[in-house]
């Protein structure tokens, strides 16, 4: 079980009672994905040592990789200076994106 120096009460929540979580590969700093956490998912992440989010589309707790095997083991957690965003550094197994891509940020928006 992981322990946090910050409690959920320390965080500034968005209008849905959640905090965005930026997920980064701990080895190469690649940004893998963005997800949202509520108090339940934050506590479950600390309990399991695996990233757990709140699925806004399914309206349920979602431990990343339980069905796909593409788990995210927590290496480090950081809270930003405004207490409203979490940065999770993880050991990623397989793809982070539901499309099968390593990262959710694989599509460039700018034309050459």
Protein backbone atom coordinates (compact mmCIF):
# COMPACT_ATOMS: atom_id res chain seq x y z
CA UNK A 1 0.00 0.00 0.00
CA UNK A 2 1.26 3.44 -0.96
CA UNK A 3 0.98 6.43 1.37
CA UNK A 4 0.44 10.00 0.22
CA UNK A 5 1.53 13.14 2.06
CA UNK A 6 -1.54 14.84 0.54
CA UNK A 7 -5.10 13.82 1.33
CA UNK A 8 -8.03 14.04 -1.05
CA UNK A 9 -9.23 17.03 1.01
CA UNK A 10 -6.04 18.90 0.01
CA UNK A 11 -7.01 18.79 -3.68
CA UNK A 12 -9.00 21.37 -5.61
CA UNK A 13 -11.68 19.46 -7.50
CA UNK A 14 -13.31 20.31 -10.81
CA UNK A 15 -17.08 20.77 -11.09
CA UNK A 16 -17.57 16.99 -11.23
CA UNK A 17 -15.64 16.41 -7.99
CA UNK A 18 -12.62 15.04 -9.84
CA UNK A 19 -8.98 15.86 -10.53
CA UNK A 20 -7.32 15.33 -13.92
CA UNK A 21 -4.37 12.95 -13.89
CA UNK A 22 -1.60 13.21 -16.47
CA UNK A 23 0.12 9.85 -16.89
CA UNK A 24 3.78 9.70 -17.89
CA UNK A 25 6.16 6.81 -18.52
CA UNK A 26 8.62 6.76 -15.60
CA UNK A 27 11.51 5.58 -17.78
CA UNK A 28 11.41 7.96 -20.75
CA UNK A 29 8.96 10.71 -19.63
CA UNK A 30 6.63 10.06 -22.58
CA UNK A 31 3.13 11.40 -21.88
CA UNK A 32 0.85 8.39 -22.13
CA UNK A 33 -2.64 9.59 -21.34
CA UNK A 34 -4.95 11.88 -19.39
CA UNK A 35 -7.66 10.47 -17.14
CA UNK A 36 -9.72 11.62 -14.18
CA UNK A 37 -9.71 10.54 -10.57
CA UNK A 38 -12.30 10.86 -7.85
CA UNK A 39 -11.70 10.14 -4.18
CA UNK A 40 -12.51 6.45 -4.59
CA UNK A 41 -10.11 5.96 -7.49
CA UNK A 42 -7.36 7.93 -5.72
CA UNK A 43 -7.66 5.73 -2.63
CA UNK A 44 -7.80 2.56 -4.76
CA UNK A 45 -4.63 3.65 -6.58
CA UNK A 46 -2.84 3.99 -3.24
CA UNK A 47 -4.22 0.65 -2.03
CA UNK A 48 -3.29 -1.35 -5.15
CA UNK A 49 -0.20 0.49 -6.36
CA UNK A 50 -1.85 0.41 -9.81
CA UNK A 51 -3.42 3.40 -11.51
CA UNK A 52 -7.15 3.46 -10.98
CA UNK A 53 -9.40 6.11 -12.51
CA UNK A 54 -13.04 7.09 -12.69
CA UNK A 55 -14.44 6.22 -16.10
CA UNK A 56 -16.68 9.13 -17.06
CA UNK A 57 -18.13 7.24 -20.02
CA UNK A 58 -18.99 4.08 -18.05
CA UNK A 59 -19.58 5.91 -14.76
CA UNK A 60 -17.53 3.37 -12.80
CA UNK A 61 -14.18 2.71 -11.17
CA UNK A 62 -11.55 1.61 -13.70
CA UNK A 63 -8.23 0.02 -12.75
CA UNK A 64 -6.17 0.41 -15.91
CA UNK A 65 -5.35 -2.91 -17.55
CA UNK A 66 -7.46 -5.32 -15.52
CA UNK A 67 -9.16 -6.58 -18.69
CA UNK A 68 -6.47 -5.78 -21.29
CA UNK A 69 -3.37 -6.62 -19.26
CA UNK A 70 -1.96 -3.17 -20.06
CA UNK A 71 -1.50 -2.18 -16.43
CA UNK A 72 0.13 0.92 -15.01
CA UNK A 73 2.17 0.35 -11.87
CA UNK A 74 2.66 3.52 -9.85
CA UNK A 75 6.22 4.69 -9.57
CA UNK A 76 5.64 8.28 -8.38
CA UNK A 77 2.72 10.66 -7.84
CA UNK A 78 3.01 14.46 -7.88
CA UNK A 79 0.49 17.17 -7.12
CA UNK A 80 0.86 20.41 -9.08
CA UNK A 81 1.32 23.84 -7.51
CA UNK A 82 -2.42 24.64 -7.62
CA UNK A 83 -3.42 21.30 -6.07
CA UNK A 84 -5.72 20.62 -9.03
CA UNK A 85 -3.81 18.15 -11.23
CA UNK A 86 -1.97 14.91 -10.49
CA UNK A 87 1.06 13.73 -12.44
CA UNK A 88 1.52 9.98 -12.27
CA UNK A 89 4.80 8.42 -13.33
CA UNK A 90 4.16 4.78 -14.11
CA UNK A 91 5.67 1.57 -15.37
CA UNK A 92 3.42 0.94 -18.37
CA UNK A 93 2.82 -2.60 -19.58
CA UNK A 94 1.72 -2.63 -23.22
CA UNK A 95 -0.34 0.15 -24.77
CA UNK A 96 -1.78 3.00 -22.73
CA UNK A 97 -4.39 3.91 -25.35
CA UNK A 98 -7.59 1.93 -25.96
CA UNK A 99 -6.73 2.10 -29.71
CA UNK A 100 -3.68 -0.09 -29.12
CA UNK A 101 -1.21 2.77 -29.48
CA UNK A 102 1.47 3.17 -26.87
CA UNK A 103 0.23 6.69 -26.04
CA UNK A 104 -3.10 8.43 -26.49
CA UNK A 105 -1.22 11.37 -28.04
CA UNK A 106 -0.24 9.83 -31.38
CA UNK A 107 -2.04 12.18 -33.78
CA UNK A 108 -0.32 15.42 -34.75
CA UNK A 109 -2.62 18.41 -35.12
CA UNK A 110 -0.25 20.61 -37.14
CA UNK A 111 0.31 20.44 -40.87
CA UNK A 112 3.81 20.57 -42.25
